[in-house]
Amino acid sequence: MPATHGLKLDVKRWIFLMLGLGLFFIVFYSPPWPDAVDPTGKHFALTLEGKGALAIFLLAGTWWIFEVLPIGVISIAIGVFQTLFFIRPAKDVFGNFMDPSVLFIFGSIIIGQVFTKTGLTKRMAYTMLAVVGERTAMIYLGSFVITVVLTHFMAHTAVAATIYPLLVAIHSLYEEGDKPTRFGKGLFIGMAYVAGAGSIITLLGAARGAVALGFFRDITGKSISFFEYSFYFFPLGWLMMLLIWALVMLVCRPEKESIPGLKQRARQLKTEMGPMNSKEITAALIICACVTFLALQSFVPPLGKLNKSAVLLVTTLLFYILNILDISDLEAMPWNIILLFSGAMSLGLCLWETGAANWLAVNWLAMFIEANWFVFVMSIGFFVMIMTNFIMNVAAIAISLPVALVIAPYLGVAPEVIFYAALVTAGMPFMLLIGAAPNAIAYDSKQFTPKEFFVNGIYASIILMVVLAFAVLVLWPMMGMPVKV
């Protein structure tokens, strides 16, 4: 019986492996596709390279969802197919694998390692558990609230790297060993989702907001202040956090309703740790200084000239210089996760540089040129939500927002509602691990599979679209946002 079961699993794997390859060759070698045409009559041709980008998009998506290969190996395949089929030059393709954004994720993971190794994570976990108590539902809520609060002040990637070891420490007290549990699944999937929800609230939560503001200002001639930006996003971010908590309680209800004695145990463990040692203090100071510097970059123009990845990697250098980390920590890095984002970066830039992403955006949004204004706004949100699961949310915004702002006047739609609707869904890629760094960081817990993440992400994405509809029709107009002109 075991051998037969194994054979079935292997056959299934090969079926989806070949399906991905089949989709690639069908799309790549298909006859030329029609141009996309925007409302001004401008044509967007889909070149052979653009078809190649779409073909790799389908291949990688199929392999990622059905787990036919390790996610890092699939990322290598993305680079190999681009190069061998002359879709982009090898120098560009593999240069993307060490893009500054990938190195930012590397530095964020290093910070997570430091939190774990020095014991800072355990201190945070024990303190939180002593406050929220022994009910697993409240432990979920406490973890998610901390995650969202942190995204108000720092990038959600750094938040996920900070919170991840805390959740590992909490799960270790669940007394289930290292094996996957529903409680563990809910902790880590929920963390990834609420990190995205929190990241929309302020401009400090992610880079996409600043990029979108630039497009909005250039195309409409209007400006949106830091506080106006947060005014409209604050209720949505926190509402999504609460709804994600409810969803996690429904689909990942913990095996235990409570952990008797946990509150007292957490206090005891914290006491046993004693006062903070020199390495903990040094690590905390370095991390706080880095986070403060990154936050100030949004307010102090001269600081903004420094690359954020280089700033973050200063912490990595200091951790090794001061012997907080050593070579064994470097060897223990989750390279599978880092490769995942390397491939995602390469795929996103492939879609962008070949024009495939623009072709998709124009074709999609042009279908709604005569639609009701509300349907058009929701179509923008839906398109960005799907795209941001496959490519960087900054790229998804750069592709869709300019096109949407051009079409909006034809339907009497105010540019503000287009801007906010696109950014809401850009921040919450709930279905694929490559959609955002917190997703991949959560996956390193080994508490869930990519397929489980995808299925639960469908539910979360439906909730997201319902919340967006509520905001567009009810909430934002009540708050004073113009939705029609």
Protein backbone atom coordinates (compact mmCIF):
# COMPACT_ATOMS: atom_id res chain seq x y z
CA MET A 1 0.00 0.00 0.00
CA PRO A 2 2.66 2.62 0.87
CA ALA A 3 4.43 2.00 -2.47
CA THR A 4 1.18 2.41 -4.41
CA HIS A 5 0.38 5.62 -2.56
CA GLY A 6 3.83 6.97 -3.34
CA LEU A 7 3.42 6.11 -7.01
CA LYS A 8 0.13 8.00 -7.16
CA LEU A 9 1.72 11.08 -5.67
CA ASP A 10 4.59 10.83 -8.16
CA VAL A 11 2.20 10.48 -11.10
CA LYS A 12 0.26 13.53 -9.93
CA ARG A 13 3.52 15.48 -9.64
CA TRP A 14 4.53 14.56 -13.19
CA ILE A 15 1.12 15.48 -14.56
CA PHE A 16 1.39 19.02 -13.21
CA LEU A 17 5.06 19.23 -14.17
CA MET A 18 4.11 18.47 -17.78
CA LEU A 19 1.06 20.76 -17.58
CA GLY A 20 3.33 23.69 -16.74
CA LEU A 21 5.68 22.84 -19.60
CA GLY A 22 2.72 22.34 -21.96
CA LEU A 23 1.30 25.76 -21.13
CA PHE A 24 4.70 27.34 -21.73
CA PHE A 25 5.19 25.83 -25.20
CA ILE A 26 1.57 26.39 -26.29
CA VAL A 27 1.70 30.09 -25.44
CA PHE A 28 5.28 30.71 -26.61
CA TYR A 29 4.83 29.07 -30.03
CA SER A 30 1.25 30.25 -30.64
CA PRO A 31 0.54 32.63 -33.58
CA PRO A 32 0.80 36.39 -32.89
CA TRP A 33 -1.83 37.74 -30.51
CA PRO A 34 -3.91 40.90 -31.24
CA ASP A 35 -2.69 44.28 -30.00
CA ALA A 36 -4.21 45.80 -26.89
CA VAL A 37 -5.81 49.22 -27.57
CA ASP A 38 -6.44 51.85 -24.89
CA PRO A 39 -9.29 54.43 -25.01
CA THR A 40 -7.06 56.99 -26.73
CA GLY A 41 -6.42 54.57 -29.60
CA LYS A 42 -2.83 53.75 -28.61
CA HIS A 43 -1.77 50.21 -29.59
CA PHE A 44 0.23 47.87 -27.35
CA ALA A 45 1.72 44.98 -29.32
CA LEU A 46 2.55 41.66 -27.68
CA THR A 47 6.00 40.70 -28.98
CA LEU A 48 7.43 37.19 -29.05
CA GLU A 49 9.36 38.10 -25.90
CA GLY A 50 6.10 39.31 -24.31
CA LYS A 51 4.45 35.98 -25.13
CA GLY A 52 7.48 34.29 -23.61
CA ALA A 53 6.99 36.28 -20.40
CA LEU A 54 3.33 35.21 -20.23
CA ALA A 55 4.38 31.60 -20.94
CA ILE A 56 6.84 31.63 -18.02
CA PHE A 57 4.18 33.32 -15.89
CA LEU A 58 1.85 30.32 -16.50
CA LEU A 59 4.59 27.73 -16.06
CA ALA A 60 5.82 29.15 -12.76
CA GLY A 61 2.31 29.68 -11.42
CA THR A 62 1.34 26.08 -12.19
CA TRP A 63 4.47 24.64 -10.62
CA TRP A 64 4.25 26.89 -7.54
CA ILE A 65 0.59 26.10 -6.83
CA PHE A 66 0.94 22.33 -7.29
CA GLU A 67 4.37 22.07 -5.62
CA VAL A 68 6.04 20.01 -8.33
CA LEU A 69 9.51 21.23 -7.33
CA PRO A 70 10.99 23.14 -4.36
CA ILE A 71 9.95 26.78 -4.67
CA GLY A 72 13.56 27.96 -4.94
CA VAL A 73 14.24 25.53 -7.80
CA ILE A 74 11.18 26.82 -9.67
CA SER A 75 12.71 30.29 -9.39
CA ILE A 76 15.89 28.98 -11.02
CA ALA A 77 13.70 27.60 -13.82
CA ILE A 78 12.29 31.11 -14.36
CA GLY A 79 15.81 32.37 -15.05
CA VAL A 80 16.76 29.38 -17.20
CA PHE A 81 13.69 29.61 -19.47
CA GLN A 82 14.12 33.37 -19.97
CA THR A 83 17.71 32.85 -21.02
CA LEU A 84 17.44 29.71 -23.18
CA PHE A 85 14.48 31.05 -25.14
CA PHE A 86 16.09 34.49 -25.65
CA ILE A 87 13.30 36.31 -23.82
CA ARG A 88 15.79 38.54 -22.01
CA PRO A 89 19.61 38.70 -21.86
CA ALA A 90 21.17 36.40 -19.25
CA LYS A 91 22.93 39.34 -17.60
CA ASP A 92 19.59 41.03 -16.89
CA VAL A 93 17.79 37.81 -15.96
CA PHE A 94 20.26 36.57 -13.38
CA GLY A 95 21.21 40.07 -12.27
CA ASN A 96 17.65 40.35 -10.95
CA PHE A 97 18.40 37.43 -8.62
CA MET A 98 20.54 39.79 -6.51
CA ASP A 99 18.30 42.82 -6.91
CA PRO A 100 18.39 45.29 -3.96
CA SER A 101 14.85 44.21 -3.02
CA VAL A 102 16.03 40.60 -2.69
CA LEU A 103 18.93 41.73 -0.52
CA PHE A 104 16.47 43.68 1.64
CA ILE A 105 14.63 40.41 2.27
CA PHE A 106 17.98 38.74 3.03
CA GLY A 107 18.76 41.44 5.59
CA SER A 108 15.29 41.13 7.11
CA ILE A 109 15.72 37.39 7.59
CA ILE A 110 19.10 38.03 9.24
CA ILE A 111 17.35 40.29 11.75
CA GLY A 112 14.90 37.49 12.46
CA GLN A 113 17.83 35.14 13.12
CA VAL A 114 19.30 37.63 15.59
CA PHE A 115 16.03 37.96 17.47
CA THR A 116 15.93 34.19 17.84
CA LYS A 117 19.59 33.60 18.69
CA THR A 118 19.91 36.35 21.30
CA GLY A 119 16.66 35.46 23.07
CA LEU A 120 14.90 38.77 22.33
CA THR A 121 12.10 36.82 20.66
CA LYS A 122 11.40 34.72 23.72
CA ARG A 123 11.25 37.82 25.90
CA MET A 124 8.71 39.39 23.55
CA ALA A 125 6.68 36.17 23.35
CA TYR A 126 6.59 35.62 27.11
CA THR A 127 5.58 39.25 27.72
CA MET A 128 2.76 39.06 25.18
CA LEU A 129 1.47 35.72 26.50
CA ALA A 130 1.45 37.04 30.06
CA VAL A 131 -0.85 39.82 28.81
CA VAL A 132 -3.22 38.01 26.40
CA GLY A 133 -3.64 34.92 28.55
CA GLU A 134 -4.16 31.24 27.77
CA ARG A 135 -6.98 31.19 25.19
CA THR A 136 -5.60 30.34 21.76
CA ALA A 137 -8.10 32.69 20.09
CA MET A 138 -6.67 35.59 22.09
CA ILE A 139 -3.10 34.48 21.31
CA TYR A 140 -4.04 34.70 17.62
CA LEU A 141 -5.50 38.17 18.16
CA GLY A 142 -2.56 39.41 20.22
CA SER A 143 -0.07 38.25 17.59
CA PHE A 144 -2.02 39.89 14.79
CA VAL A 145 -2.46 43.18 16.64
CA ILE A 146 1.28 43.43 17.31
CA THR A 147 1.99 42.72 13.64
CA VAL A 148 -0.37 45.45 12.40
CA VAL A 149 0.87 48.00 14.92
CA LEU A 150 4.47 47.47 13.80
CA THR A 151 3.54 47.94 10.12
CA HIS A 152 2.49 51.52 10.98
CA PHE A 153 6.16 52.36 11.52
CA MET A 154 8.26 49.89 9.50
CA ALA A 155 8.15 47.92 6.25
CA HIS A 156 5.98 44.83 6.41
CA THR A 157 8.92 42.67 5.30
CA ALA A 158 10.93 43.75 8.33
CA VAL A 159 7.85 43.30 10.53
CA ALA A 160 7.36 39.73 9.32
CA ALA A 161 11.03 38.95 9.94
CA THR A 162 10.68 40.41 13.46
CA ILE A 163 7.41 38.66 14.33
CA TYR A 164 8.31 35.29 12.81
CA PRO A 165 10.68 34.12 15.58
CA LEU A 166 8.18 35.36 18.18
CA LEU A 167 5.54 33.07 16.68
CA VAL A 168 8.01 30.19 16.61
CA ALA A 169 8.57 30.71 20.33
CA ILE A 170 4.82 30.83 20.99
CA HIS A 171 4.18 27.66 18.98
CA SER A 172 6.92 25.84 20.91
CA LEU A 173 4.84 26.37 24.06
CA TYR A 174 1.85 24.69 22.41
CA GLU A 175 3.42 21.36 23.40
CA GLU A 176 3.03 19.70 20.02
CA GLY A 177 6.72 19.51 19.15
CA ASP A 178 7.80 20.66 15.70
CA LYS A 179 5.03 18.92 13.78
CA PRO A 180 2.46 21.06 11.89
CA THR A 181 -0.68 21.97 13.82
CA ARG A 182 -3.82 23.92 12.95
CA PHE A 183 -2.75 26.45 15.58
CA GLY A 184 0.66 26.83 13.92
CA LYS A 185 -0.92 27.10 10.49
CA GLY A 186 -3.24 29.85 11.71
CA LEU A 187 -0.43 31.74 13.46
CA PHE A 188 1.86 31.92 10.45
CA ILE A 189 -0.68 32.27 7.62
CA GLY A 190 -2.53 34.87 9.68
CA MET A 191 0.70 36.77 10.33
CA ALA A 192 1.43 36.94 6.60
CA TYR A 193 -2.08 38.16 5.81
CA VAL A 194 -2.29 40.82 8.53
CA ALA A 195 1.21 42.08 7.68
CA GLY A 196 -0.22 42.87 4.24
CA ALA A 197 -3.36 44.43 5.72
CA GLY A 198 -1.31 46.61 8.06
CA SER A 199 1.11 47.65 5.31
CA ILE A 200 -1.55 49.75 3.55
CA ILE A 201 -2.18 52.01 6.55
CA THR A 202 0.84 54.34 6.34
CA LEU A 203 3.49 55.18 3.77
CA LEU A 204 6.05 53.52 6.05
CA GLY A 205 4.46 50.07 5.63
CA ALA A 206 5.70 49.49 2.09
CA ALA A 207 7.30 51.23 -0.88
CA ARG A 208 4.25 50.88 -3.12
CA GLY A 209 2.52 53.92 -1.59
CA ALA A 210 5.28 56.36 -2.49
CA VAL A 211 5.41 55.00 -6.06
CA ALA A 212 1.65 55.32 -6.46
CA LEU A 213 1.69 58.89 -5.11
CA GLY A 214 4.23 59.79 -7.79
CA PHE A 215 2.02 58.43 -10.58
CA PHE A 216 -1.05 60.11 -9.11
CA ARG A 217 0.65 63.49 -8.89
CA ASP A 218 2.15 63.29 -12.40
CA ILE A 219 -1.09 62.20 -14.09
CA THR A 220 -3.71 64.22 -12.16
CA GLY A 221 -1.67 67.17 -10.88
CA LYS A 222 -3.05 66.55 -7.39
CA SER A 223 -1.15 65.71 -4.20
CA ILE A 224 -2.09 63.47 -1.27
CA SER A 225 -0.51 64.17 2.11
CA PHE A 226 0.93 61.56 4.50
CA PHE A 227 -1.98 62.00 6.91
CA GLU A 228 -4.69 62.06 4.23
CA TYR A 229 -3.22 58.82 2.87
CA SER A 230 -3.51 57.14 6.28
CA PHE A 231 -6.95 58.66 7.03
CA TYR A 232 -8.67 56.57 4.34
CA PHE A 233 -6.59 53.42 4.82
CA PHE A 234 -6.64 53.20 8.63
CA PRO A 235 -10.18 51.77 9.01
CA LEU A 236 -9.68 49.31 6.15
CA GLY A 237 -6.39 47.96 7.46
CA TRP A 238 -7.79 47.32 10.93
CA LEU A 239 -11.09 45.95 9.61
CA MET A 240 -9.17 43.47 7.45
CA MET A 241 -7.11 42.43 10.49
CA LEU A 242 -10.27 41.59 12.44
CA LEU A 243 -11.81 39.73 9.50
CA ILE A 244 -8.60 37.76 8.94
CA TRP A 245 -8.65 36.83 12.62
CA ALA A 246 -12.23 35.57 12.19
CA LEU A 247 -11.25 33.67 9.04
CA VAL A 248 -8.26 32.04 10.73
CA MET A 249 -10.46 30.99 13.66
CA LEU A 250 -12.83 29.39 11.15
CA VAL A 251 -10.38 27.56 8.86
CA CYS A 252 -7.52 26.99 11.33
CA ARG A 253 -9.37 26.55 14.61
CA PRO A 254 -6.74 25.45 17.14
CA GLU A 255 -6.82 21.90 18.44
CA LYS A 256 -6.96 23.36 21.97
CA GLU A 257 -9.22 26.19 23.08
CA SER A 258 -6.73 27.14 25.74
CA ILE A 259 -3.33 26.17 27.10
CA PRO A 260 -3.84 25.72 30.86
CA GLY A 261 -1.10 27.26 32.95
CA LEU A 262 0.43 29.08 29.98
CA LYS A 263 0.17 32.55 31.54
CA GLN A 264 1.98 31.47 34.67
CA ARG A 265 4.49 29.47 32.67
CA ALA A 266 5.26 32.45 30.44
CA ARG A 267 5.93 34.63 33.48
CA GLN A 268 8.14 31.94 35.00
CA LEU A 269 10.15 31.47 31.80
CA LYS A 270 10.65 35.22 31.48
CA THR A 271 11.88 35.38 35.08
CA GLU A 272 14.27 32.47 34.46
CA MET A 273 15.84 34.36 31.55
CA GLY A 274 17.05 37.01 33.97
CA PRO A 275 18.06 40.51 32.89
CA MET A 276 19.00 41.25 29.29
CA ASN A 277 22.61 40.37 28.48
CA SER A 278 25.06 42.48 26.49
CA LYS A 279 24.34 40.72 23.16
CA GLU A 280 20.60 41.26 23.54
CA ILE A 281 21.08 44.93 24.35
CA THR A 282 23.53 45.44 21.47
CA ALA A 283 21.26 43.66 18.98
CA ALA A 284 18.22 45.62 20.14
CA LEU A 285 20.06 48.93 19.79
CA ILE A 286 21.30 48.09 16.29
CA ILE A 287 17.83 47.03 15.12
CA CYS A 288 16.10 50.05 16.68
CA ALA A 289 18.64 52.40 15.10
CA CYS A 290 18.08 50.80 11.69
CA VAL A 291 14.28 50.92 11.93
CA THR A 292 14.40 54.55 13.07
CA PHE A 293 16.70 55.49 10.18
CA LEU A 294 14.45 53.75 7.62
CA ALA A 295 11.39 55.52 9.04
CA LEU A 296 13.13 58.92 8.92
CA GLN A 297 13.98 58.42 5.23
CA SER A 298 10.36 59.28 4.39
CA PHE A 299 10.61 62.64 6.19
CA VAL A 300 14.24 63.74 5.75
CA PRO A 301 15.09 64.10 2.02
CA PRO A 302 18.90 63.76 2.38
CA LEU A 303 18.44 60.41 4.16
CA GLY A 304 16.09 59.27 1.42
CA LYS A 305 18.98 59.27 -1.05
CA LEU A 306 20.52 56.25 0.69
CA ASN A 307 19.40 52.88 -0.61
CA LYS A 308 17.24 51.14 2.01
CA SER A 309 18.75 47.73 1.25
CA ALA A 310 22.26 49.03 1.89
CA VAL A 311 21.08 50.65 5.13
CA LEU A 312 19.48 47.40 6.29
CA LEU A 313 22.56 45.35 5.37
CA VAL A 314 24.66 47.54 7.68
CA THR A 315 22.95 45.61 10.49
CA THR A 316 24.11 42.32 8.94
CA LEU A 317 27.71 43.53 8.89
CA LEU A 318 27.50 44.70 12.50
CA PHE A 319 25.97 41.42 13.70
CA TYR A 320 28.95 39.50 12.29
CA ILE A 321 31.57 42.07 13.29
CA LEU A 322 30.34 41.97 16.90
CA ASN A 323 30.10 38.12 16.89
CA ILE A 324 26.37 38.12 17.50
CA LEU A 325 26.17 35.80 14.47
CA ASP A 326 28.74 33.37 13.03
CA ILE A 327 29.28 31.23 9.94
CA SER A 328 26.83 28.56 11.12
CA ASP A 329 24.04 31.17 11.03
CA LEU A 330 24.92 32.09 7.45
CA GLU A 331 24.82 28.43 6.46
CA ALA A 332 21.43 28.06 8.18
CA MET A 333 19.81 30.81 6.06
CA PRO A 334 16.60 29.69 4.30
CA TRP A 335 18.05 29.95 0.80
CA ASN A 336 14.93 28.31 -0.63
CA ILE A 337 12.95 31.41 0.43
CA ILE A 338 15.58 33.84 -0.85
CA LEU A 339 15.68 32.07 -4.21
CA LEU A 340 11.88 32.24 -4.31
CA PHE A 341 12.02 36.02 -4.22
CA SER A 342 14.93 36.15 -6.63
CA GLY A 343 12.82 34.31 -9.20
CA ALA A 344 9.75 36.41 -8.44
CA MET A 345 11.78 39.58 -9.01
CA SER A 346 13.10 38.24 -12.31
CA LEU A 347 9.61 37.20 -13.44
CA GLY A 348 8.09 40.56 -12.53
CA LEU A 349 10.74 42.51 -14.42
CA CYS A 350 10.38 40.13 -17.35
CA LEU A 351 6.64 40.91 -17.60
CA TRP A 352 7.39 44.61 -17.27
CA GLU A 353 10.33 44.95 -19.65
CA THR A 354 8.81 42.82 -22.44
CA GLY A 355 5.58 44.86 -22.35
CA ALA A 356 3.49 41.80 -21.44
CA ALA A 357 2.23 43.43 -18.23
CA ASN A 358 1.07 46.59 -20.04
CA TRP A 359 -0.63 44.45 -22.68
CA LEU A 360 -2.50 42.56 -19.94
CA ALA A 361 -3.51 45.73 -18.08
CA VAL A 362 -4.82 47.54 -21.17
CA ASN A 363 -6.75 44.49 -22.38
CA TRP A 364 -8.31 43.95 -18.96
CA LEU A 365 -9.29 47.53 -18.16
CA ALA A 366 -10.43 48.32 -21.69
CA MET A 367 -13.13 45.66 -21.28
CA PHE A 368 -14.77 47.94 -18.71
CA ILE A 369 -14.66 51.18 -20.68
CA GLU A 370 -18.48 51.20 -20.97
CA ALA A 371 -19.19 49.57 -17.61
CA ASN A 372 -20.85 51.08 -14.56
CA TRP A 373 -18.38 53.21 -12.58
CA PHE A 374 -18.51 50.85 -9.59
CA VAL A 375 -17.79 47.81 -11.78
CA PHE A 376 -14.83 49.63 -13.29
CA VAL A 377 -13.35 50.51 -9.88
CA MET A 378 -13.80 46.92 -8.67
CA SER A 379 -12.21 45.60 -11.87
CA ILE A 380 -9.10 47.68 -11.13
CA GLY A 381 -8.91 46.29 -7.61
CA PHE A 382 -9.37 42.74 -8.88
CA PHE A 383 -6.73 43.09 -11.59
CA VAL A 384 -4.16 44.51 -9.17
CA MET A 385 -4.98 41.78 -6.64
CA ILE A 386 -4.29 39.04 -9.19
CA MET A 387 -1.17 40.69 -10.61
CA THR A 388 0.37 41.41 -7.21
CA ASN A 389 0.28 37.68 -6.40
CA PHE A 390 2.72 37.10 -9.26
CA ILE A 391 4.84 40.23 -9.44
CA MET A 392 6.03 42.95 -7.06
CA ASN A 393 3.14 45.09 -5.86
CA VAL A 394 5.13 48.17 -6.90
CA ALA A 395 5.21 46.78 -10.44
CA ALA A 396 1.49 45.92 -10.32
CA ILE A 397 0.73 49.53 -9.36
CA ALA A 398 3.10 50.90 -12.02
CA ILE A 399 1.36 48.79 -14.66
CA SER A 400 -2.29 49.33 -13.77
CA LEU A 401 -2.63 52.75 -12.12
CA PRO A 402 -1.59 54.92 -15.11
CA VAL A 403 -3.93 53.00 -17.44
CA ALA A 404 -6.81 53.17 -14.95
CA LEU A 405 -6.34 56.91 -14.43
CA VAL A 406 -6.50 57.46 -18.19
CA ILE A 407 -9.75 55.47 -18.53
CA ALA A 408 -11.41 56.90 -15.38
CA PRO A 409 -12.53 60.27 -16.88
CA TYR A 410 -14.49 58.45 -19.60
CA LEU A 411 -16.66 56.90 -16.88
CA GLY A 412 -16.90 59.94 -14.62
CA VAL A 413 -14.83 58.25 -11.89
CA ALA A 414 -12.77 60.39 -9.50
CA PRO A 415 -9.03 59.64 -9.59
CA GLU A 416 -8.87 59.43 -5.77
CA VAL A 417 -11.04 56.31 -5.58
CA ILE A 418 -8.96 54.69 -8.33
CA PHE A 419 -5.77 55.42 -6.37
CA TYR A 420 -7.03 54.03 -3.07
CA ALA A 421 -8.78 50.99 -4.56
CA ALA A 422 -5.62 49.92 -6.40
CA LEU A 423 -3.44 50.32 -3.31
CA VAL A 424 -5.80 48.35 -1.07
CA THR A 425 -5.52 45.18 -3.13
CA ALA A 426 -1.86 45.75 -4.03
CA GLY A 427 -1.00 45.34 -0.36
CA MET A 428 -2.77 42.03 0.14
CA PRO A 429 -1.57 39.21 -2.14
CA PHE A 430 -3.09 36.34 -0.18
CA MET A 431 -2.84 33.44 -2.64
CA LEU A 432 0.77 32.85 -3.69
CA LEU A 433 3.94 32.77 -1.62
CA ILE A 434 5.75 34.98 -4.13
CA GLY A 435 3.18 37.76 -3.71
CA ALA A 436 4.93 39.32 -0.70
CA ALA A 437 7.92 38.70 1.53
CA PRO A 438 5.79 37.99 4.64
CA ASN A 439 4.16 35.10 2.78
CA ALA A 440 7.52 33.48 2.09
CA ILE A 441 8.84 34.18 5.58
CA ALA A 442 5.74 32.52 7.06
CA TYR A 443 6.25 29.49 4.80
CA ASP A 444 9.66 28.90 6.39
CA SER A 445 7.77 27.71 9.49
CA LYS A 446 6.84 24.48 7.62
CA GLN A 447 3.39 24.70 9.20
CA PHE A 448 1.56 24.78 5.85
CA THR A 449 1.99 23.92 2.17
CA PRO A 450 1.81 26.32 -0.79
CA LYS A 451 -1.49 24.67 -1.76
CA GLU A 452 -2.98 25.29 1.71
CA PHE A 453 -1.84 28.90 1.53
CA PHE A 454 -3.44 29.26 -1.90
CA VAL A 455 -6.79 27.77 -0.85
CA ASN A 456 -7.04 29.88 2.30
CA GLY A 457 -5.92 32.85 0.24
CA ILE A 458 -8.94 32.48 -2.02
CA TYR A 459 -11.22 32.93 1.00
CA ALA A 460 -9.18 35.91 2.23
CA SER A 461 -9.23 37.49 -1.25
CA ILE A 462 -13.01 37.19 -1.45
CA ILE A 463 -13.23 38.97 1.92
CA LEU A 464 -10.85 41.63 0.61
CA MET A 465 -13.02 42.32 -2.44
CA VAL A 466 -16.16 42.56 -0.27
CA VAL A 467 -14.39 45.04 2.04
CA LEU A 468 -13.24 47.07 -0.98
CA ALA A 469 -16.82 47.17 -2.31
CA PHE A 470 -18.03 48.39 1.11
CA ALA A 471 -15.33 51.07 1.17
CA VAL A 472 -16.08 52.31 -2.37
CA LEU A 473 -19.86 52.40 -1.95
CA VAL A 474 -20.28 53.36 1.71
CA LEU A 475 -17.23 54.05 3.87
CA TRP A 476 -15.06 56.33 1.74
CA PRO A 477 -17.96 58.55 0.55
CA MET A 478 -19.01 58.93 4.22
CA MET A 479 -15.44 59.98 5.06
CA GLY A 480 -15.49 62.63 2.33
CA MET A 481 -13.62 60.93 -0.52
CA PRO A 482 -14.85 61.91 -4.01
CA VAL A 483 -15.78 58.82 -6.01
CA LYS A 484 -17.42 60.44 -9.06
CA VAL A 485 -16.78 63.62 -11.07
